[in-house]
């Protein structure tokens, strides 16, 4: 990855305001009805598109509508349901273990606390933050591949890991982190794409972009 000039404080503020204005009221594209469904959907979305997850979850939630049902799921049946999702073997195992802990430790209720969430199988810091951002509007940043790419192209972060990028973005933005997370995801998904970004036709941040290699990050 090429070294890219860092955005100034004024540029960072411009980026923040532009993202908040463009994506006002943005929410996750994952479909869910409650905290349980959201946690399952976010867990499945790792290395998998939201579109694909939304095709999988209706049948999954019909078969296993609660943590109690999922905790005693037949793993082969669960694997069959989520087989079109990446890493479905590991995800099936983790989903069952997650549900078992939710039942045994949290009486069937999804804990809405980051430290508690990451004790669940398959739930890392990013997944926990995404759940809290979406479900309770927590002032947190979560860095997926889209946010990581966008933050580097705009010179907001030069960190080599998602966790470090999360720390940097949280520090420079400070407020509205939940809204900015959603905005950066959508911006990265539909405009500042990994391949063939829409730089000339649709990008409203092109004047602030720091990439020197025509977006080869």
C-alpha atoms as a PDB file:
ATOM      1  CA  UNK A   1       0.000   0.000   0.000  1.00  0.00           C
ATOM      2  CA  UNK A   2       1.383   3.388  -1.005  1.00  0.00           C
ATOM      3  CA  UNK A   3       1.940   6.100   1.602  1.00  0.00           C
ATOM      4  CA  UNK A   4      -0.745   8.738   1.197  1.00  0.00           C
ATOM      5  CA  UNK A   5      -0.703  12.287   2.539  1.00  0.00           C
ATOM      6  CA  UNK A   6      -2.843  12.680   5.620  1.00  0.00           C
ATOM      7  CA  UNK A   7      -5.919  14.889   5.632  1.00  0.00           C
ATOM      8  CA  UNK A   8      -5.671  18.143   7.566  1.00  0.00           C
ATOM      9  CA  UNK A   9      -8.070  18.974  10.415  1.00  0.00           C
ATOM     10  CA  UNK A  10     -10.063  21.232   8.102  1.00  0.00           C
ATOM     11  CA  UNK A  11     -10.200  18.566   5.411  1.00  0.00           C
ATOM     12  CA  UNK A  12     -11.279  15.978   7.976  1.00  0.00           C
ATOM     13  CA  UNK A  13     -14.108  18.257   9.078  1.00  0.00           C
ATOM     14  CA  UNK A  14     -15.133  18.790   5.444  1.00  0.00           C
ATOM     15  CA  UNK A  15     -15.208  15.042   4.874  1.00  0.00           C
ATOM     16  CA  UNK A  16     -17.201  14.466   8.051  1.00  0.00           C
ATOM     17  CA  UNK A  17     -19.812  17.079   7.219  1.00  0.00           C
ATOM     18  CA  UNK A  18     -20.127  15.929   3.604  1.00  0.00           C
ATOM     19  CA  UNK A  19     -20.638  12.300   4.609  1.00  0.00           C
ATOM     20  CA  UNK A  20     -23.203  13.184   7.271  1.00  0.00           C
ATOM     21  CA  UNK A  21     -25.133  15.358   4.839  1.00  0.00           C
ATOM     22  CA  UNK A  22     -25.065  12.869   1.965  1.00  0.00           C
ATOM     23  CA  UNK A  23     -26.024   9.853   4.092  1.00  0.00           C
ATOM     24  CA  UNK A  24     -28.306  11.424   6.663  1.00  0.00           C
ATOM     25  CA  UNK A  25     -30.354   8.731   8.386  1.00  0.00           C
ATOM     26  CA  UNK A  26     -28.416   5.867   6.798  1.00  0.00           C
ATOM     27  CA  UNK A  27     -28.895   2.420   8.314  1.00  0.00           C
ATOM     28  CA  UNK A  28     -27.491  -1.027   7.744  1.00  0.00           C
ATOM     29  CA  UNK A  29     -28.777  -2.842   4.670  1.00  0.00           C
ATOM     30  CA  UNK A  30     -29.014  -6.065   6.666  1.00  0.00           C
ATOM     31  CA  UNK A  31     -32.603  -7.101   7.350  1.00  0.00           C
ATOM     32  CA  UNK A  32     -33.535  -7.935  10.941  1.00  0.00           C
ATOM     33  CA  UNK A  33     -36.350  -7.643  13.487  1.00  0.00           C
ATOM     34  CA  UNK A  34     -34.554  -7.739  16.833  1.00  0.00           C
ATOM     35  CA  UNK A  35     -31.125  -7.844  18.467  1.00  0.00           C
ATOM     36  CA  UNK A  36     -30.846 -11.600  17.991  1.00  0.00           C
ATOM     37  CA  UNK A  37     -31.509 -11.419  14.251  1.00  0.00           C
ATOM     38  CA  UNK A  38     -29.154  -8.451  13.909  1.00  0.00           C
ATOM     39  CA  UNK A  39     -26.325 -10.267  15.687  1.00  0.00           C
ATOM     40  CA  UNK A  40     -26.779 -13.353  13.524  1.00  0.00           C
ATOM     41  CA  UNK A  41     -26.914 -11.286  10.337  1.00  0.00           C
ATOM     42  CA  UNK A  42     -23.816  -9.274  11.224  1.00  0.00           C
ATOM     43  CA  UNK A  43     -21.952 -12.455  12.135  1.00  0.00           C
ATOM     44  CA  UNK A  44     -22.819 -13.970   8.769  1.00  0.00           C
ATOM     45  CA  UNK A  45     -21.808 -10.805   6.912  1.00  0.00           C
ATOM     46  CA  UNK A  46     -18.092 -11.232   7.629  1.00  0.00           C
ATOM     47  CA  UNK A  47     -16.444 -11.768   4.219  1.00  0.00           C
ATOM     48  CA  UNK A  48     -19.930 -11.986   2.726  1.00  0.00           C
ATOM     49  CA  UNK A  49     -22.169  -9.346   1.152  1.00  0.00           C
ATOM     50  CA  UNK A  50     -25.240  -7.980   2.900  1.00  0.00           C
ATOM     51  CA  UNK A  51     -27.239  -8.934  -0.176  1.00  0.00           C
ATOM     52  CA  UNK A  52     -26.221 -12.566   0.199  1.00  0.00           C
ATOM     53  CA  UNK A  53     -26.940 -12.549   3.935  1.00  0.00           C
ATOM     54  CA  UNK A  54     -30.427 -11.151   3.299  1.00  0.00           C
ATOM     55  CA  UNK A  55     -31.104 -14.088   0.986  1.00  0.00           C
ATOM     56  CA  UNK A  56     -30.022 -16.559   3.665  1.00  0.00           C
ATOM     57  CA  UNK A  57     -31.616 -15.207   6.828  1.00  0.00           C
ATOM     58  CA  UNK A  58     -35.359 -15.633   6.088  1.00  0.00           C
ATOM     59  CA  UNK A  59     -35.039 -19.421   6.021  1.00  0.00           C
ATOM     60  CA  UNK A  60     -32.579 -19.350   8.916  1.00  0.00           C
ATOM     61  CA  UNK A  61     -34.877 -17.315  11.155  1.00  0.00           C
ATOM     62  CA  UNK A  62     -37.875 -19.421  10.168  1.00  0.00           C
ATOM     63  CA  UNK A  63     -36.051 -22.552  11.321  1.00  0.00           C
ATOM     64  CA  UNK A  64     -34.330 -20.942  14.314  1.00  0.00           C
ATOM     65  CA  UNK A  65     -36.332 -17.862  15.386  1.00  0.00           C
ATOM     66  CA  UNK A  66     -34.779 -17.514  18.836  1.00  0.00           C
ATOM     67  CA  UNK A  67     -31.459 -18.122  20.604  1.00  0.00           C
ATOM     68  CA  UNK A  68     -33.156 -21.015  22.398  1.00  0.00           C
ATOM     69  CA  UNK A  69     -33.931 -22.753  19.116  1.00  0.00           C
ATOM     70  CA  UNK A  70     -30.517 -21.997  17.645  1.00  0.00           C
ATOM     71  CA  UNK A  71     -28.742 -23.320  20.736  1.00  0.00           C
ATOM     72  CA  UNK A  72     -30.041 -26.827  19.996  1.00  0.00           C
ATOM     73  CA  UNK A  73     -29.826 -26.595  16.214  1.00  0.00           C
ATOM     74  CA  UNK A  74     -28.668 -29.524  14.150  1.00  0.00           C
ATOM     75  CA  UNK A  75     -25.350 -28.307  12.818  1.00  0.00           C
ATOM     76  CA  UNK A  76     -25.691 -30.090   9.480  1.00  0.00           C
ATOM     77  CA  UNK A  77     -29.099 -28.489   8.954  1.00  0.00           C
ATOM     78  CA  UNK A  78     -27.698 -25.085   9.851  1.00  0.00           C
ATOM     79  CA  UNK A  79     -24.758 -25.557   7.498  1.00  0.00           C
ATOM     80  CA  UNK A  80     -27.171 -26.447   4.729  1.00  0.00           C
ATOM     81  CA  UNK A  81     -29.161 -23.264   5.280  1.00  0.00           C
ATOM     82  CA  UNK A  82     -26.109 -20.971   5.263  1.00  0.00           C
ATOM     83  CA  UNK A  83     -24.028 -22.944   2.754  1.00  0.00           C
ATOM     84  CA  UNK A  84     -23.988 -20.109   0.213  1.00  0.00           C
ATOM     85  CA  UNK A  85     -22.266 -17.888   2.771  1.00  0.00           C
ATOM     86  CA  UNK A  86     -18.477 -17.764   2.965  1.00  0.00           C
ATOM     87  CA  UNK A  87     -16.862 -19.841   5.737  1.00  0.00           C
ATOM     88  CA  UNK A  88     -20.245 -21.419   6.489  1.00  0.00           C
ATOM     89  CA  UNK A  89     -18.737 -24.344   8.426  1.00  0.00           C
ATOM     90  CA  UNK A  90     -17.082 -22.113  11.010  1.00  0.00           C
ATOM     91  CA  UNK A  91     -20.007 -19.727  11.087  1.00  0.00           C
ATOM     92  CA  UNK A  92     -22.505 -22.516  11.759  1.00  0.00           C
ATOM     93  CA  UNK A  93     -20.429 -23.788  14.660  1.00  0.00           C
ATOM     94  CA  UNK A  94     -19.990 -20.303  16.095  1.00  0.00           C
ATOM     95  CA  UNK A  95     -23.670 -19.432  15.765  1.00  0.00           C
ATOM     96  CA  UNK A  96     -24.685 -22.454  17.810  1.00  0.00           C
ATOM     97  CA  UNK A  97     -22.020 -21.757  20.448  1.00  0.00           C
ATOM     98  CA  UNK A  98     -23.077 -18.112  20.525  1.00  0.00           C
ATOM     99  CA  UNK A  99     -26.705 -19.070  21.130  1.00  0.00           C
ATOM    100  CA  UNK A 100     -25.736 -21.560  23.825  1.00  0.00           C
ATOM    101  CA  UNK A 101     -23.833 -18.890  25.745  1.00  0.00           C
ATOM    102  CA  UNK A 102     -26.677 -16.409  25.305  1.00  0.00           C
ATOM    103  CA  UNK A 103     -29.003 -18.979  26.875  1.00  0.00           C
ATOM    104  CA  UNK A 104     -26.709 -20.098  29.680  1.00  0.00           C
ATOM    105  CA  UNK A 105     -25.233 -16.728  30.671  1.00  0.00           C
ATOM    106  CA  UNK A 106     -27.704 -14.088  29.490  1.00  0.00           C
ATOM    107  CA  UNK A 107     -31.037 -15.911  29.907  1.00  0.00           C
ATOM    108  CA  UNK A 108     -31.752 -15.774  26.186  1.00  0.00           C
ATOM    109  CA  UNK A 109     -31.267 -12.026  25.751  1.00  0.00           C
ATOM    110  CA  UNK A 110     -28.529 -10.588  23.540  1.00  0.00           C
ATOM    111  CA  UNK A 111     -26.229  -8.482  25.753  1.00  0.00           C
ATOM    112  CA  UNK A 112     -26.015  -4.919  24.481  1.00  0.00           C
ATOM    113  CA  UNK A 113     -22.565  -4.208  25.841  1.00  0.00           C
ATOM    114  CA  UNK A 114     -19.360  -4.452  23.826  1.00  0.00           C
ATOM    115  CA  UNK A 115     -17.392  -6.341  26.472  1.00  0.00           C
ATOM    116  CA  UNK A 116     -20.183  -8.866  26.876  1.00  0.00           C
ATOM    117  CA  UNK A 117     -20.792  -9.283  23.164  1.00  0.00           C
ATOM    118  CA  UNK A 118     -17.186 -10.199  22.404  1.00  0.00           C
ATOM    119  CA  UNK A 119     -17.431 -13.123  24.837  1.00  0.00           C
ATOM    120  CA  UNK A 120     -19.795 -14.767  22.340  1.00  0.00           C
ATOM    121  CA  UNK A 121     -18.393 -17.218  19.796  1.00  0.00           C
ATOM    122  CA  UNK A 122     -17.529 -15.604  16.484  1.00  0.00           C
ATOM    123  CA  UNK A 123     -18.125 -12.078  17.757  1.00  0.00           C
ATOM    124  CA  UNK A 124     -15.122  -9.789  17.528  1.00  0.00           C
ATOM    125  CA  UNK A 125     -14.846  -6.082  18.203  1.00  0.00           C
ATOM    126  CA  UNK A 126     -16.077  -5.064  14.751  1.00  0.00           C
ATOM    127  CA  UNK A 127     -19.179  -7.263  14.947  1.00  0.00           C
ATOM    128  CA  UNK A 128     -19.949  -6.053  18.472  1.00  0.00           C
ATOM    129  CA  UNK A 129     -19.575  -2.418  17.436  1.00  0.00           C
ATOM    130  CA  UNK A 130     -21.765  -2.858  14.349  1.00  0.00           C
ATOM    131  CA  UNK A 131     -24.540  -4.380  16.477  1.00  0.00           C
ATOM    132  CA  UNK A 132     -24.368  -1.527  18.986  1.00  0.00           C
ATOM    133  CA  UNK A 133     -24.134   1.133  16.271  1.00  0.00           C
ATOM    134  CA  UNK A 134     -27.222  -0.173  14.542  1.00  0.00           C
ATOM    135  CA  UNK A 135     -29.341  -1.311  17.469  1.00  0.00           C
ATOM    136  CA  UNK A 136     -28.735   1.362  20.112  1.00  0.00           C
ATOM    137  CA  UNK A 137     -27.042   4.126  18.111  1.00  0.00           C
ATOM    138  CA  UNK A 138     -23.833   3.852  20.112  1.00  0.00           C
ATOM    139  CA  UNK A 139     -21.142   6.437  19.382  1.00  0.00           C
ATOM    140  CA  UNK A 140     -18.748   3.812  18.045  1.00  0.00           C
ATOM    141  CA  UNK A 141     -16.796   3.241  14.844  1.00  0.00           C
ATOM    142  CA  UNK A 142     -16.530  -0.142  13.155  1.00  0.00           C
ATOM    143  CA  UNK A 143     -14.030  -0.694  10.365  1.00  0.00           C
ATOM    144  CA  UNK A 144     -14.886  -3.190   7.650  1.00  0.00           C
ATOM    145  CA  UNK A 145     -13.204  -3.444   4.250  1.00  0.00           C
ATOM    146  CA  UNK A 146     -15.188  -0.484   2.911  1.00  0.00           C
ATOM    147  CA  UNK A 147     -14.410   1.828   5.827  1.00  0.00           C
ATOM    148  CA  UNK A 148     -10.762   0.757   5.794  1.00  0.00           C
ATOM    149  CA  UNK A 149     -10.424   1.488   2.075  1.00  0.00           C
ATOM    150  CA  UNK A 150     -12.231   4.831   2.227  1.00  0.00           C
ATOM    151  CA  UNK A 151     -10.313   6.039   5.269  1.00  0.00           C
ATOM    152  CA  UNK A 152      -6.997   5.351   3.535  1.00  0.00           C
ATOM    153  CA  UNK A 153      -7.962   6.887   0.215  1.00  0.00           C
ATOM    154  CA  UNK A 154      -9.144  10.059   1.929  1.00  0.00           C
ATOM    155  CA  UNK A 155      -6.025  10.289   4.080  1.00  0.00           C
ATOM    156  CA  UNK A 156      -7.932   9.814   7.320  1.00  0.00           C
ATOM    157  CA  UNK A 157      -5.886   6.809   8.388  1.00  0.00           C
ATOM    158  CA  UNK A 158      -2.610   5.170   7.426  1.00  0.00           C
ATOM    159  CA  UNK A 159      -2.974   2.334   9.928  1.00  0.00           C
ATOM    160  CA  UNK A 160      -2.254  -1.200   8.838  1.00  0.00           C
ATOM    161  CA  UNK A 161      -5.076  -2.890  10.746  1.00  0.00           C
ATOM    162  CA  UNK A 162      -8.801  -2.366  11.115  1.00  0.00           C
ATOM    163  CA  UNK A 163      -8.535  -2.037  14.897  1.00  0.00           C
ATOM    164  CA  UNK A 164      -5.916   0.712  14.643  1.00  0.00           C
ATOM    165  CA  UNK A 165      -7.971   2.457  11.955  1.00  0.00           C
ATOM    166  CA  UNK A 166     -10.980   2.298  14.261  1.00  0.00           C
ATOM    167  CA  UNK A 167      -8.980   4.017  16.999  1.00  0.00           C
ATOM    168  CA  UNK A 168      -7.753   6.700  14.624  1.00  0.00           C
ATOM    169  CA  UNK A 169     -11.158   7.443  13.125  1.00  0.00           C
ATOM    170  CA  UNK A 170     -12.754   7.570  16.574  1.00  0.00           C
ATOM    171  CA  UNK A 171     -10.113  10.053  17.695  1.00  0.00           C
ATOM    172  CA  UNK A 172     -10.314  12.401  14.701  1.00  0.00           C
ATOM    173  CA  UNK A 173     -14.113  12.363  14.308  1.00  0.00           C
ATOM    174  CA  UNK A 174     -15.054  12.110  18.010  1.00  0.00           C
ATOM    175  CA  UNK A 175     -18.814  12.512  17.502  1.00  0.00           C
ATOM    176  CA  UNK A 176     -21.438  11.028  15.175  1.00  0.00           C
ATOM    177  CA  UNK A 177     -19.307   7.900  14.839  1.00  0.00           C
ATOM    178  CA  UNK A 178     -22.312   5.633  14.309  1.00  0.00           C
ATOM    179  CA  UNK A 179     -23.631   7.776  11.457  1.00  0.00           C
ATOM    180  CA  UNK A 180     -20.159   8.104   9.940  1.00  0.00           C
ATOM    181  CA  UNK A 181     -19.676   4.342  10.021  1.00  0.00           C
ATOM    182  CA  UNK A 182     -22.891   3.819   8.077  1.00  0.00           C
ATOM    183  CA  UNK A 183     -21.977   6.624   5.670  1.00  0.00           C
ATOM    184  CA  UNK A 184     -18.491   5.292   4.962  1.00  0.00           C
ATOM    185  CA  UNK A 185     -19.829   1.781   4.384  1.00  0.00           C
ATOM    186  CA  UNK A 186     -22.326   3.017   1.801  1.00  0.00           C
ATOM    187  CA  UNK A 187     -19.821   5.394   0.210  1.00  0.00           C
ATOM    188  CA  UNK A 188     -17.304   2.568  -0.117  1.00  0.00           C
ATOM    189  CA  UNK A 189     -19.863   0.054  -1.318  1.00  0.00           C
ATOM    190  CA  UNK A 190     -21.415   2.137  -4.082  1.00  0.00           C
ATOM    191  CA  UNK A 191     -19.030   4.971  -5.009  1.00  0.00           C
ATOM    192  CA  UNK A 192     -15.499   4.499  -3.674  1.00  0.00           C
ATOM    193  CA  UNK A 193     -15.463   0.856  -4.732  1.00  0.00           C
ATOM    194  CA  UNK A 194     -12.393  -1.366  -4.557  1.00  0.00           C
ATOM    195  CA  UNK A 195     -12.413  -1.794  -8.320  1.00  0.00           C
ATOM    196  CA  UNK A 196     -13.571   0.845 -10.772  1.00  0.00           C
ATOM    197  CA  UNK A 197     -14.524   3.530  -8.229  1.00  0.00           C
ATOM    198  CA  UNK A 198     -16.881   6.176  -9.569  1.00  0.00           C
ATOM    199  CA  UNK A 199     -14.358   8.967  -9.159  1.00  0.00           C
ATOM    200  CA  UNK A 200     -15.364  11.222 -12.024  1.00  0.00           C
ATOM    201  CA  UNK A 201     -19.068  10.519 -12.271  1.00  0.00           C
ATOM    202  CA  UNK A 202     -20.426  10.298  -8.723  1.00  0.00           C
ATOM    203  CA  UNK A 203     -17.769  10.991  -6.088  1.00  0.00           C
ATOM    204  CA  UNK A 204     -18.614  14.060  -4.009  1.00  0.00           C
ATOM    205  CA  UNK A 205     -15.290  13.831  -2.144  1.00  0.00           C
ATOM    206  CA  UNK A 206     -12.952  13.670  -5.133  1.00  0.00           C
ATOM    207  CA  UNK A 207     -11.359  17.024  -4.310  1.00  0.00           C
ATOM    208  CA  UNK A 208     -10.375  15.719  -0.896  1.00  0.00           C
ATOM    209  CA  UNK A 209      -9.066  12.331  -2.026  1.00  0.00           C
ATOM    210  CA  UNK A 210      -5.396  11.677  -1.256  1.00  0.00           C
ATOM    211  CA  UNK A 211      -4.812   8.576  -3.363  1.00  0.00           C
ATOM    212  CA  UNK A 212      -1.919   9.042  -5.764  1.00  0.00           C
ATOM    213  CA  UNK A 213      -2.257   5.796  -7.679  1.00  0.00           C
ATOM    214  CA  UNK A 214      -5.692   6.250  -9.188  1.00  0.00           C
ATOM    215  CA  UNK A 215      -7.336   4.351  -6.357  1.00  0.00           C
ATOM    216  CA  UNK A 216      -5.314   1.149  -6.536  1.00  0.00           C
ATOM    217  CA  UNK A 217      -5.554   0.546  -2.782  1.00  0.00           C
END
